[in-house]
Amino acid sequence: MVTVEKDRVAPGADLVARGVPARAPDTDIEELADLFQMLASPTRLRVVEALARGELCVGDLSDAVGVSHSAVSHHLRHLRQMRLVRYRKEGRQAYYRLDDDHVTTLFLVAMEHVRE
């Protein structure tokens, strides 16, 4: 009896097809760990959640998150350093928003994951 071997697909081929490398460079993994560590703060996640709805100044963020202006400013500084948040100046007022759609997507996908 002759056996015919079906087409074999290499393990992880579906990941490669989706653009996930077999092994990410160490520097990328370290940056990703830093990103997740930055988002490990409930207050920072509240700031991201508020900014996912739109641009806000520190005062409005303070009200939305429920912490002081100085605490919001402190968290915004860290989020800016990680390129998660950007701002624009209008007169003396600074308005903050998420840096790009990737940040919003990351937040929404993670929220969907914890709600499943």
PDB file of N, CA and C in Angstrom:
ATOM      1  N   MET A   1       0.841  -1.167   0.000  1.00  0.00           N
ATOM      2  CA  MET A   1       0.000   0.000   0.000  1.00  0.00           C
ATOM      3  C   MET A   1       0.892   1.239   0.000  1.00  0.00           C
ATOM      4  N   VAL A   2       0.554   2.161  -0.853  1.00  0.00           N
ATOM      5  CA  VAL A   2       1.331   3.385  -0.973  1.00  0.00           C
ATOM      6  C   VAL A   2       0.619   4.479  -0.184  1.00  0.00           C
ATOM      7  N   THR A   3       1.379   5.168   0.657  1.00  0.00           N
ATOM      8  CA  THR A   3       0.791   6.290   1.380  1.00  0.00           C
ATOM      9  C   THR A   3       1.238   7.571   0.728  1.00  0.00           C
ATOM     10  N   VAL A   4       0.306   8.474   0.618  1.00  0.00           N
ATOM     11  CA  VAL A   4       0.604   9.771   0.022  1.00  0.00           C
ATOM     12  C   VAL A   4       0.625  10.796   1.145  1.00  0.00           C
ATOM     13  N   GLU A   5       1.735  11.471   1.274  1.00  0.00           N
ATOM     14  CA  GLU A   5       1.867  12.484   2.312  1.00  0.00           C
ATOM     15  C   GLU A   5       1.210  13.771   1.828  1.00  0.00           C
ATOM     16  N   LYS A   6       0.311  14.291   2.640  1.00  0.00           N
ATOM     17  CA  LYS A   6      -0.341  15.547   2.277  1.00  0.00           C
ATOM     18  C   LYS A   6       0.677  16.676   2.348  1.00  0.00           C
ATOM     19  N   ASP A   7       0.360  17.770   1.664  1.00  0.00           N
ATOM     20  CA  ASP A   7       1.253  18.930   1.729  1.00  0.00           C
ATOM     21  C   ASP A   7       1.448  19.312   3.186  1.00  0.00           C
ATOM     22  N   ARG A   8       2.677  19.379   3.577  1.00  0.00           N
ATOM     23  CA  ARG A   8       2.990  19.737   4.954  1.00  0.00           C
ATOM     24  C   ARG A   8       3.272  21.223   5.029  1.00  0.00           C
ATOM     25  N   VAL A   9       2.724  21.846   6.033  1.00  0.00           N
ATOM     26  CA  VAL A   9       2.938  23.272   6.255  1.00  0.00           C
ATOM     27  C   VAL A   9       3.866  23.411   7.447  1.00  0.00           C
ATOM     28  N   ALA A  10       4.878  24.207   7.277  1.00  0.00           N
ATOM     29  CA  ALA A  10       5.850  24.407   8.352  1.00  0.00           C
ATOM     30  C   ALA A  10       5.170  25.009   9.573  1.00  0.00           C
ATOM     31  N   PRO A  11       5.579  24.571  10.778  1.00  0.00           N
ATOM     32  CA  PRO A  11       5.009  25.172  11.993  1.00  0.00           C
ATOM     33  C   PRO A  11       5.229  26.681  12.001  1.00  0.00           C
ATOM     34  N   GLY A  12       4.201  27.406  12.334  1.00  0.00           N
ATOM     35  CA  GLY A  12       4.298  28.863  12.390  1.00  0.00           C
ATOM     36  C   GLY A  12       4.127  29.543  11.051  1.00  0.00           C
ATOM     37  N   ALA A  13       3.817  28.797  10.007  1.00  0.00           N
ATOM     38  CA  ALA A  13       3.671  29.399   8.675  1.00  0.00           C
ATOM     39  C   ALA A  13       2.549  30.424   8.655  1.00  0.00           C
ATOM     40  N   ASP A  14       1.494  30.156   9.426  1.00  0.00           N
ATOM     41  CA  ASP A  14       0.395  31.123   9.472  1.00  0.00           C
ATOM     42  C   ASP A  14       0.851  32.446  10.087  1.00  0.00           C
ATOM     43  N   LEU A  15       1.762  32.375  11.060  1.00  0.00           N
ATOM     44  CA  LEU A  15       2.288  33.600  11.664  1.00  0.00           C
ATOM     45  C   LEU A  15       3.122  34.389  10.664  1.00  0.00           C
ATOM     46  N   VAL A  16       3.952  33.682   9.928  1.00  0.00           N
ATOM     47  CA  VAL A  16       4.789  34.339   8.919  1.00  0.00           C
ATOM     48  C   VAL A  16       3.899  34.974   7.859  1.00  0.00           C
ATOM     49  N   ALA A  17       2.830  34.283   7.478  1.00  0.00           N
ATOM     50  CA  ALA A  17       1.902  34.823   6.474  1.00  0.00           C
ATOM     51  C   ALA A  17       1.241  36.102   6.981  1.00  0.00           C
ATOM     52  N   ARG A  18       1.059  36.217   8.299  1.00  0.00           N
ATOM     53  CA  ARG A  18       0.456  37.431   8.875  1.00  0.00           C
ATOM     54  C   ARG A  18       1.485  38.514   9.167  1.00  0.00           C
ATOM     55  N   GLY A  19       2.740  38.250   8.848  1.00  0.00           N
ATOM     56  CA  GLY A  19       3.770  39.269   9.033  1.00  0.00           C
ATOM     57  C   GLY A  19       4.520  39.166  10.345  1.00  0.00           C
ATOM     58  N   VAL A  20       4.294  38.115  11.121  1.00  0.00           N
ATOM     59  CA  VAL A  20       5.009  37.937  12.381  1.00  0.00           C
ATOM     60  C   VAL A  20       6.309  37.207  12.078  1.00  0.00           C
ATOM     61  N   PRO A  21       7.464  37.833  12.368  1.00  0.00           N
ATOM     62  CA  PRO A  21       8.731  37.180  12.059  1.00  0.00           C
ATOM     63  C   PRO A  21       8.945  35.956  12.943  1.00  0.00           C
ATOM     64  N   ALA A  22       9.773  35.041  12.465  1.00  0.00           N
ATOM     65  CA  ALA A  22      10.073  33.832  13.230  1.00  0.00           C
ATOM     66  C   ALA A  22      10.661  34.190  14.588  1.00  0.00           C
ATOM     67  N   ARG A  23      11.515  35.150  14.629  1.00  0.00           N
ATOM     68  CA  ARG A  23      12.085  35.631  15.887  1.00  0.00           C
ATOM     69  C   ARG A  23      12.398  37.103  15.717  1.00  0.00           C
ATOM     70  N   ALA A  24      11.732  37.916  16.514  1.00  0.00           N
ATOM     71  CA  ALA A  24      11.935  39.366  16.430  1.00  0.00           C
ATOM     72  C   ALA A  24      13.304  39.725  17.005  1.00  0.00           C
ATOM     73  N   PRO A  25      13.892  40.787  16.476  1.00  0.00           N
ATOM     74  CA  PRO A  25      15.173  41.243  17.028  1.00  0.00           C
ATOM     75  C   PRO A  25      15.037  41.613  18.504  1.00  0.00           C
ATOM     76  N   ASP A  26      16.086  41.400  19.263  1.00  0.00           N
ATOM     77  CA  ASP A  26      16.076  41.692  20.697  1.00  0.00           C
ATOM     78  C   ASP A  26      15.699  43.135  20.990  1.00  0.00           C
ATOM     79  N   THR A  27      16.175  44.066  20.167  1.00  0.00           N
ATOM     80  CA  THR A  27      15.860  45.480  20.419  1.00  0.00           C
ATOM     81  C   THR A  27      14.359  45.739  20.283  1.00  0.00           C
ATOM     82  N   ASP A  28      13.720  45.085  19.322  1.00  0.00           N
ATOM     83  CA  ASP A  28      12.267  45.240  19.163  1.00  0.00           C
ATOM     84  C   ASP A  28      11.524  44.673  20.365  1.00  0.00           C
ATOM     85  N   ILE A  29      11.953  43.521  20.839  1.00  0.00           N
ATOM     86  CA  ILE A  29      11.322  42.891  21.999  1.00  0.00           C
ATOM     87  C   ILE A  29      11.493  43.769  23.241  1.00  0.00           C
ATOM     88  N   GLU A  30      12.683  44.355  23.404  1.00  0.00           N
ATOM     89  CA  GLU A  30      12.930  45.230  24.551  1.00  0.00           C
ATOM     90  C   GLU A  30      12.047  46.474  24.487  1.00  0.00           C
ATOM     91  N   GLU A  31      11.908  47.065  23.303  1.00  0.00           N
ATOM     92  CA  GLU A  31      11.041  48.232  23.155  1.00  0.00           C
ATOM     93  C   GLU A  31       9.585  47.878  23.411  1.00  0.00           C
ATOM     94  N   LEU A  32       9.164  46.709  22.962  1.00  0.00           N
ATOM     95  CA  LEU A  32       7.801  46.262  23.204  1.00  0.00           C
ATOM     96  C   LEU A  32       7.556  46.044  24.694  1.00  0.00           C
ATOM     97  N   ALA A  33       8.539  45.479  25.389  1.00  0.00           N
ATOM     98  CA  ALA A  33       8.430  45.298  26.840  1.00  0.00           C
ATOM     99  C   ALA A  33       8.314  46.652  27.536  1.00  0.00           C
ATOM    100  N   ASP A  34       9.100  47.634  27.092  1.00  0.00           N
ATOM    101  CA  ASP A  34       9.012  48.989  27.651  1.00  0.00           C
ATOM    102  C   ASP A  34       7.625  49.590  27.423  1.00  0.00           C
ATOM    103  N   LEU A  35       7.083  49.364  26.224  1.00  0.00           N
ATOM    104  CA  LEU A  35       5.753  49.871  25.900  1.00  0.00           C
ATOM    105  C   LEU A  35       4.702  49.271  26.824  1.00  0.00           C
ATOM    106  N   PHE A  36       4.734  47.946  26.988  1.00  0.00           N
ATOM    107  CA  PHE A  36       3.767  47.298  27.871  1.00  0.00           C
ATOM    108  C   PHE A  36       3.959  47.724  29.322  1.00  0.00           C
ATOM    109  N   GLN A  37       5.198  47.923  29.723  1.00  0.00           N
ATOM    110  CA  GLN A  37       5.459  48.393  31.077  1.00  0.00           C
ATOM    111  C   GLN A  37       4.879  49.794  31.276  1.00  0.00           C
ATOM    112  N   MET A  38       5.007  50.641  30.255  1.00  0.00           N
ATOM    113  CA  MET A  38       4.456  51.989  30.326  1.00  0.00           C
ATOM    114  C   MET A  38       2.935  51.938  30.470  1.00  0.00           C
ATOM    115  N   LEU A  39       2.315  51.002  29.797  1.00  0.00           N
ATOM    116  CA  LEU A  39       0.859  50.891  29.838  1.00  0.00           C
ATOM    117  C   LEU A  39       0.366  50.065  31.025  1.00  0.00           C
ATOM    118  N   ALA A  40       1.268  49.637  31.897  1.00  0.00           N
ATOM    119  CA  ALA A  40       0.883  48.839  33.054  1.00  0.00           C
ATOM    120  C   ALA A  40       0.252  49.675  34.168  1.00  0.00           C
ATOM    121  N   SER A  41       0.244  50.978  34.018  1.00  0.00           N
ATOM    122  CA  SER A  41      -0.335  51.869  35.017  1.00  0.00           C
ATOM    123  C   SER A  41      -1.811  52.124  34.711  1.00  0.00           C
ATOM    124  N   PRO A  42      -2.704  51.854  35.660  1.00  0.00           N
ATOM    125  CA  PRO A  42      -4.123  52.140  35.429  1.00  0.00           C
ATOM    126  C   PRO A  42      -4.390  53.614  35.089  1.00  0.00           C
ATOM    127  N   THR A  43      -3.647  54.526  35.705  1.00  0.00           N
ATOM    128  CA  THR A  43      -3.844  55.945  35.405  1.00  0.00           C
ATOM    129  C   THR A  43      -3.452  56.254  33.974  1.00  0.00           C
ATOM    130  N   ARG A  44      -2.329  55.711  33.522  1.00  0.00           N
ATOM    131  CA  ARG A  44      -1.920  55.948  32.130  1.00  0.00           C
ATOM    132  C   ARG A  44      -2.925  55.344  31.163  1.00  0.00           C
ATOM    133  N   LEU A  45      -3.460  54.182  31.503  1.00  0.00           N
ATOM    134  CA  LEU A  45      -4.484  53.584  30.640  1.00  0.00           C
ATOM    135  C   LEU A  45      -5.739  54.443  30.605  1.00  0.00           C
ATOM    136  N   ARG A  46      -6.086  55.072  31.707  1.00  0.00           N
ATOM    137  CA  ARG A  46      -7.236  55.991  31.725  1.00  0.00           C
ATOM    138  C   ARG A  46      -6.965  57.207  30.836  1.00  0.00           C
ATOM    139  N   VAL A  47      -5.730  57.686  30.860  1.00  0.00           N
ATOM    140  CA  VAL A  47      -5.359  58.807  29.983  1.00  0.00           C
ATOM    141  C   VAL A  47      -5.489  58.371  28.520  1.00  0.00           C
ATOM    142  N   VAL A  48      -4.975  57.205  28.188  1.00  0.00           N
ATOM    143  CA  VAL A  48      -5.086  56.692  26.814  1.00  0.00           C
ATOM    144  C   VAL A  48      -6.547  56.513  26.441  1.00  0.00           C
ATOM    145  N   GLU A  49      -7.337  55.981  27.348  1.00  0.00           N
ATOM    146  CA  GLU A  49      -8.766  55.787  27.088  1.00  0.00           C
ATOM    147  C   GLU A  49      -9.451  57.121  26.785  1.00  0.00           C
ATOM    148  N   ALA A  50      -9.159  58.145  27.578  1.00  0.00           N
ATOM    149  CA  ALA A  50      -9.758  59.466  27.361  1.00  0.00           C
ATOM    150  C   ALA A  50      -9.308  60.061  26.032  1.00  0.00           C
ATOM    151  N   LEU A  51      -8.022  59.920  25.711  1.00  0.00           N
ATOM    152  CA  LEU A  51      -7.505  60.479  24.467  1.00  0.00           C
ATOM    153  C   LEU A  51      -7.950  59.694  23.239  1.00  0.00           C
ATOM    154  N   ALA A  52      -8.362  58.448  23.433  1.00  0.00           N
ATOM    155  CA  ALA A  52      -8.896  57.665  22.315  1.00  0.00           C
ATOM    156  C   ALA A  52     -10.203  58.287  21.811  1.00  0.00           C
ATOM    157  N   ARG A  53     -10.859  59.048  22.668  1.00  0.00           N
ATOM    158  CA  ARG A  53     -12.107  59.730  22.285  1.00  0.00           C
ATOM    159  C   ARG A  53     -11.848  61.065  21.593  1.00  0.00           C
ATOM    160  N   GLY A  54     -10.644  61.606  21.774  1.00  0.00           N
ATOM    161  CA  GLY A  54     -10.326  62.870  21.124  1.00  0.00           C
ATOM    162  C   GLY A  54      -9.314  63.687  21.902  1.00  0.00           C
ATOM    163  N   GLU A  55      -8.933  64.786  21.308  1.00  0.00           N
ATOM    164  CA  GLU A  55      -7.915  65.693  21.848  1.00  0.00           C
ATOM    165  C   GLU A  55      -8.439  66.388  23.107  1.00  0.00           C
ATOM    166  N   LEU A  56      -7.572  66.490  24.126  1.00  0.00           N
ATOM    167  CA  LEU A  56      -7.951  67.128  25.388  1.00  0.00           C
ATOM    168  C   LEU A  56      -6.780  67.915  25.965  1.00  0.00           C
ATOM    169  N   CYS A  57      -7.093  68.934  26.736  1.00  0.00           N
ATOM    170  CA  CYS A  57      -6.056  69.665  27.473  1.00  0.00           C
ATOM    171  C   CYS A  57      -5.878  68.985  28.832  1.00  0.00           C
ATOM    172  N   VAL A  58      -4.870  69.381  29.582  1.00  0.00           N
ATOM    173  CA  VAL A  58      -4.555  68.759  30.862  1.00  0.00           C
ATOM    174  C   VAL A  58      -5.733  68.872  31.829  1.00  0.00           C
ATOM    175  N   GLY A  59      -6.386  70.012  31.858  1.00  0.00           N
ATOM    176  CA  GLY A  59      -7.518  70.186  32.764  1.00  0.00           C
ATOM    177  C   GLY A  59      -8.646  69.214  32.474  1.00  0.00           C
ATOM    178  N   ASP A  60      -8.975  69.056  31.200  1.00  0.00           N
ATOM    179  CA  ASP A  60     -10.031  68.121  30.822  1.00  0.00           C
ATOM    180  C   ASP A  60      -9.604  66.675  31.081  1.00  0.00           C
ATOM    181  N   LEU A  61      -8.339  66.382  30.836  1.00  0.00           N
ATOM    182  CA  LEU A  61      -7.823  65.041  31.140  1.00  0.00           C
ATOM    183  C   LEU A  61      -7.869  64.763  32.636  1.00  0.00           C
ATOM    184  N   SER A  62      -7.527  65.761  33.421  1.00  0.00           N
ATOM    185  CA  SER A  62      -7.570  65.628  34.874  1.00  0.00           C
ATOM    186  C   SER A  62      -8.983  65.279  35.333  1.00  0.00           C
ATOM    187  N   ASP A  63      -9.969  65.980  34.790  1.00  0.00           N
ATOM    188  CA  ASP A  63     -11.366  65.689  35.129  1.00  0.00           C
ATOM    189  C   ASP A  63     -11.778  64.297  34.656  1.00  0.00           C
ATOM    190  N   ALA A  64     -11.377  63.927  33.457  1.00  0.00           N
ATOM    191  CA  ALA A  64     -11.768  62.638  32.875  1.00  0.00           C
ATOM    192  C   ALA A  64     -11.151  61.462  33.633  1.00  0.00           C
ATOM    193  N   VAL A  65      -9.915  61.632  34.067  1.00  0.00           N
ATOM    194  CA  VAL A  65      -9.185  60.548  34.713  1.00  0.00           C
ATOM    195  C   VAL A  65      -9.410  60.536  36.225  1.00  0.00           C
ATOM    196  N   GLY A  66      -9.694  61.704  36.776  1.00  0.00           N
ATOM    197  CA  GLY A  66      -9.939  61.796  38.214  1.00  0.00           C
ATOM    198  C   GLY A  66      -8.690  61.915  39.052  1.00  0.00           C
ATOM    199  N   VAL A  67      -7.651  62.521  38.480  1.00  0.00           N
ATOM    200  CA  VAL A  67      -6.419  62.783  39.228  1.00  0.00           C
ATOM    201  C   VAL A  67      -6.023  64.245  39.017  1.00  0.00           C
ATOM    202  N   SER A  68      -5.063  64.710  39.799  1.00  0.00           N
ATOM    203  CA  SER A  68      -4.658  66.108  39.747  1.00  0.00           C
ATOM    204  C   SER A  68      -3.989  66.468  38.417  1.00  0.00           C
ATOM    205  N   HIS A  69      -3.954  67.787  38.155  1.00  0.00           N
ATOM    206  CA  HIS A  69      -3.278  68.279  36.954  1.00  0.00           C
ATOM    207  C   HIS A  69      -1.822  67.827  36.925  1.00  0.00           C
ATOM    208  N   SER A  70      -1.150  67.930  38.077  1.00  0.00           N
ATOM    209  CA  SER A  70       0.271  67.572  38.109  1.00  0.00           C
ATOM    210  C   SER A  70       0.462  66.075  37.842  1.00  0.00           C
ATOM    211  N   ALA A  71      -0.420  65.239  38.354  1.00  0.00           N
ATOM    212  CA  ALA A  71      -0.314  63.797  38.102  1.00  0.00           C
ATOM    213  C   ALA A  71      -0.525  63.498  36.620  1.00  0.00           C
ATOM    214  N   VAL A  72      -1.513  64.156  36.001  1.00  0.00           N
ATOM    215  CA  VAL A  72      -1.757  63.962  34.569  1.00  0.00           C
ATOM    216  C   VAL A  72      -0.537  64.409  33.776  1.00  0.00           C
ATOM    217  N   SER A  73       0.012  65.561  34.111  1.00  0.00           N
ATOM    218  CA  SER A  73       1.201  66.057  33.408  1.00  0.00           C
ATOM    219  C   SER A  73       2.365  65.084  33.528  1.00  0.00           C
ATOM    220  N   HIS A  74       2.528  64.519  34.710  1.00  0.00           N
ATOM    221  CA  HIS A  74       3.594  63.539  34.936  1.00  0.00           C
ATOM    222  C   HIS A  74       3.410  62.329  34.014  1.00  0.00           C
ATOM    223  N   HIS A  75       2.208  61.792  33.949  1.00  0.00           N
ATOM    224  CA  HIS A  75       1.942  60.633  33.103  1.00  0.00           C
ATOM    225  C   HIS A  75       2.066  60.986  31.621  1.00  0.00           C
ATOM    226  N   LEU A  76       1.622  62.172  31.244  1.00  0.00           N
ATOM    227  CA  LEU A  76       1.736  62.600  29.845  1.00  0.00           C
ATOM    228  C   LEU A  76       3.192  62.694  29.409  1.00  0.00           C
ATOM    229  N   ARG A  77       4.053  63.147  30.301  1.00  0.00           N
ATOM    230  CA  ARG A  77       5.479  63.243  29.970  1.00  0.00           C
ATOM    231  C   ARG A  77       6.023  61.863  29.613  1.00  0.00           C
ATOM    232  N   HIS A  78       5.681  60.863  30.419  1.00  0.00           N
ATOM    233  CA  HIS A  78       6.144  59.498  30.139  1.00  0.00           C
ATOM    234  C   HIS A  78       5.530  58.952  28.850  1.00  0.00           C
ATOM    235  N   LEU A  79       4.267  59.219  28.631  1.00  0.00           N
ATOM    236  CA  LEU A  79       3.602  58.743  27.414  1.00  0.00           C
ATOM    237  C   LEU A  79       4.181  59.414  26.170  1.00  0.00           C
ATOM    238  N   ARG A  80       4.570  60.685  26.289  1.00  0.00           N
ATOM    239  CA  ARG A  80       5.227  61.368  25.160  1.00  0.00           C
ATOM    240  C   ARG A  80       6.585  60.759  24.874  1.00  0.00           C
ATOM    241  N   GLN A  81       7.341  60.440  25.925  1.00  0.00           N
ATOM    242  CA  GLN A  81       8.667  59.837  25.740  1.00  0.00           C
ATOM    243  C   GLN A  81       8.583  58.501  25.014  1.00  0.00           C
ATOM    244  N   MET A  82       7.491  57.783  25.191  1.00  0.00           N
ATOM    245  CA  MET A  82       7.302  56.491  24.525  1.00  0.00           C
ATOM    246  C   MET A  82       6.595  56.644  23.179  1.00  0.00           C
ATOM    247  N   ARG A  83       6.370  57.873  22.745  1.00  0.00           N
ATOM    248  CA  ARG A  83       5.709  58.181  21.470  1.00  0.00           C
ATOM    249  C   ARG A  83       4.283  57.620  21.403  1.00  0.00           C
ATOM    250  N   LEU A  84       3.611  57.629  22.550  1.00  0.00           N
ATOM    251  CA  LEU A  84       2.216  57.205  22.591  1.00  0.00           C
ATOM    252  C   LEU A  84       1.275  58.391  22.497  1.00  0.00           C
ATOM    253  N   VAL A  85       1.777  59.554  22.912  1.00  0.00           N
ATOM    254  CA  VAL A  85       0.982  60.782  22.959  1.00  0.00           C
ATOM    255  C   VAL A  85       1.778  61.908  22.324  1.00  0.00           C
ATOM    256  N   ARG A  86       1.086  62.812  21.667  1.00  0.00           N
ATOM    257  CA  ARG A  86       1.708  64.029  21.147  1.00  0.00           C
ATOM    258  C   ARG A  86       0.844  65.215  21.554  1.00  0.00           C
ATOM    259  N   TYR A  87       1.373  66.402  21.382  1.00  0.00           N
ATOM    260  CA  TYR A  87       0.595  67.590  21.735  1.00  0.00           C
ATOM    261  C   TYR A  87       0.824  68.700  20.731  1.00  0.00           C
ATOM    262  N   ARG A  88      -0.092  69.639  20.777  1.00  0.00           N
ATOM    263  CA  ARG A  88       0.060  70.860  20.000  1.00  0.00           C
ATOM    264  C   ARG A  88      -0.253  72.024  20.933  1.00  0.00           C
ATOM    265  N   LYS A  89       0.407  73.140  20.684  1.00  0.00           N
ATOM    266  CA  LYS A  89       0.193  74.339  21.506  1.00  0.00           C
ATOM    267  C   LYS A  89      -0.759  75.271  20.782  1.00  0.00           C
ATOM    268  N   GLU A  90      -1.666  75.825  21.531  1.00  0.00           N
ATOM    269  CA  GLU A  90      -2.549  76.879  21.044  1.00  0.00           C
ATOM    270  C   GLU A  90      -2.506  77.977  22.094  1.00  0.00           C
ATOM    271  N   GLY A  91      -1.716  79.000  21.807  1.00  0.00           N
ATOM    272  CA  GLY A  91      -1.478  80.021  22.819  1.00  0.00           C
ATOM    273  C   GLY A  91      -0.690  79.400  23.961  1.00  0.00           C
ATOM    274  N   ARG A  92      -1.206  79.544  25.171  1.00  0.00           N
ATOM    275  CA  ARG A  92      -0.545  78.962  26.339  1.00  0.00           C
ATOM    276  C   ARG A  92      -1.062  77.562  26.662  1.00  0.00           C
ATOM    277  N   GLN A  93      -2.075  77.139  25.956  1.00  0.00           N
ATOM    278  CA  GLN A  93      -2.718  75.851  26.217  1.00  0.00           C
ATOM    279  C   GLN A  93      -2.115  74.747  25.346  1.00  0.00           C
ATOM    280  N   ALA A  94      -1.901  73.585  25.932  1.00  0.00           N
ATOM    281  CA  ALA A  94      -1.423  72.416  25.182  1.00  0.00           C
ATOM    282  C   ALA A  94      -2.567  71.417  25.076  1.00  0.00           C
ATOM    283  N   TYR A  95      -2.765  70.895  23.876  1.00  0.00           N
ATOM    284  CA  TYR A  95      -3.798  69.907  23.624  1.00  0.00           C
ATOM    285  C   TYR A  95      -3.129  68.588  23.252  1.00  0.00           C
ATOM    286  N   TYR A  96      -3.531  67.539  23.936  1.00  0.00           N
ATOM    287  CA  TYR A  96      -2.916  66.226  23.770  1.00  0.00           C
ATOM    288  C   TYR A  96      -3.829  65.306  22.976  1.00  0.00           C
ATOM    289  N   ARG A  97      -3.184  64.404  22.226  1.00  0.00           N
ATOM    290  CA  ARG A  97      -3.900  63.362  21.484  1.00  0.00           C
ATOM    291  C   ARG A  97      -2.988  62.159  21.377  1.00  0.00           C
ATOM    292  N   LEU A  98      -3.576  61.025  21.044  1.00  0.00           N
ATOM    293  CA  LEU A  98      -2.766  59.834  20.843  1.00  0.00           C
ATOM    294  C   LEU A  98      -1.894  60.035  19.615  1.00  0.00           C
ATOM    295  N   ASP A  99      -0.706  59.480  19.649  1.00  0.00           N
ATOM    296  CA  ASP A  99       0.271  59.721  18.597  1.00  0.00           C
ATOM    297  C   ASP A  99      -0.207  59.246  17.230  1.00  0.00           C
ATOM    298  N   ASP A 100      -0.844  58.081  17.174  1.00  0.00           N
ATOM    299  CA  ASP A 100      -1.361  57.580  15.899  1.00  0.00           C
ATOM    300  C   ASP A 100      -2.428  56.524  16.156  1.00  0.00           C
ATOM    301  N   ASP A 101      -2.988  55.998  15.094  1.00  0.00           N
ATOM    302  CA  ASP A 101      -4.063  55.014  15.209  1.00  0.00           C
ATOM    303  C   ASP A 101      -3.596  53.698  15.823  1.00  0.00           C
ATOM    304  N   HIS A 102      -2.308  53.414  15.764  1.00  0.00           N
ATOM    305  CA  HIS A 102      -1.801  52.179  16.364  1.00  0.00           C
ATOM    306  C   HIS A 102      -2.053  52.156  17.868  1.00  0.00           C
ATOM    307  N   VAL A 103      -1.920  53.303  18.511  1.00  0.00           N
ATOM    308  CA  VAL A 103      -2.118  53.370  19.954  1.00  0.00           C
ATOM    309  C   VAL A 103      -3.589  53.082  20.281  1.00  0.00           C
ATOM    310  N   THR A 104      -4.485  53.676  19.515  1.00  0.00           N
ATOM    311  CA  THR A 104      -5.910  53.423  19.718  1.00  0.00           C
ATOM    312  C   THR A 104      -6.221  51.949  19.496  1.00  0.00           C
ATOM    313  N   THR A 105      -5.699  51.391  18.429  1.00  0.00           N
ATOM    314  CA  THR A 105      -5.938  49.980  18.114  1.00  0.00           C
ATOM    315  C   THR A 105      -5.401  49.079  19.212  1.00  0.00           C
ATOM    316  N   LEU A 106      -4.197  49.365  19.695  1.00  0.00           N
ATOM    317  CA  LEU A 106      -3.598  48.580  20.772  1.00  0.00           C
ATOM    318  C   LEU A 106      -4.502  48.587  21.998  1.00  0.00           C
ATOM    319  N   PHE A 107      -4.986  49.766  22.368  1.00  0.00           N
ATOM    320  CA  PHE A 107      -5.871  49.890  23.529  1.00  0.00           C
ATOM    321  C   PHE A 107      -7.168  49.119  23.319  1.00  0.00           C
ATOM    322  N   LEU A 108      -7.803  49.305  22.170  1.00  0.00           N
ATOM    323  CA  LEU A 108      -9.091  48.664  21.906  1.00  0.00           C
ATOM    324  C   LEU A 108      -8.973  47.143  21.819  1.00  0.00           C
ATOM    325  N   VAL A 109      -7.926  46.649  21.181  1.00  0.00           N
ATOM    326  CA  VAL A 109      -7.733  45.199  21.068  1.00  0.00           C
ATOM    327  C   VAL A 109      -7.460  44.603  22.452  1.00  0.00           C
ATOM    328  N   ALA A 110      -6.639  45.260  23.246  1.00  0.00           N
ATOM    329  CA  ALA A 110      -6.350  44.768  24.595  1.00  0.00           C
ATOM    330  C   ALA A 110      -7.620  44.780  25.450  1.00  0.00           C
ATOM    331  N   MET A 111      -8.428  45.824  25.317  1.00  0.00           N
ATOM    332  CA  MET A 111      -9.679  45.900  26.079  1.00  0.00           C
ATOM    333  C   MET A 111     -10.625  44.777  25.649  1.00  0.00           C
ATOM    334  N   GLU A 112     -10.678  44.519  24.367  1.00  0.00           N
ATOM    335  CA  GLU A 112     -11.512  43.424  23.859  1.00  0.00           C
ATOM    336  C   GLU A 112     -11.034  42.089  24.432  1.00  0.00           C
ATOM    337  N   HIS A 113      -9.727  41.929  24.511  1.00  0.00           N
ATOM    338  CA  HIS A 113      -9.150  40.688  25.042  1.00  0.00           C
ATOM    339  C   HIS A 113      -9.559  40.474  26.502  1.00  0.00           C
ATOM    340  N   VAL A 114      -9.465  41.504  27.329  1.00  0.00           N
ATOM    341  CA  VAL A 114      -9.793  41.319  28.756  1.00  0.00           C
ATOM    342  C   VAL A 114     -11.302  41.148  28.962  1.00  0.00           C
ATOM    343  N   ARG A 115     -12.104  41.614  28.038  1.00  0.00           N
ATOM    344  CA  ARG A 115     -13.565  41.473  28.185  1.00  0.00           C
ATOM    345  C   ARG A 115     -14.087  40.142  27.681  1.00  0.00           C
ATOM    346  N   GLU A 116     -13.290  39.362  26.974  1.00  0.00           N
ATOM    347  CA  GLU A 116     -13.745  38.058  26.463  1.00  0.00           C
ATOM    348  C   GLU A 116     -13.771  37.020  27.550  1.00  0.00           C
TER     349      GLU A 116
END
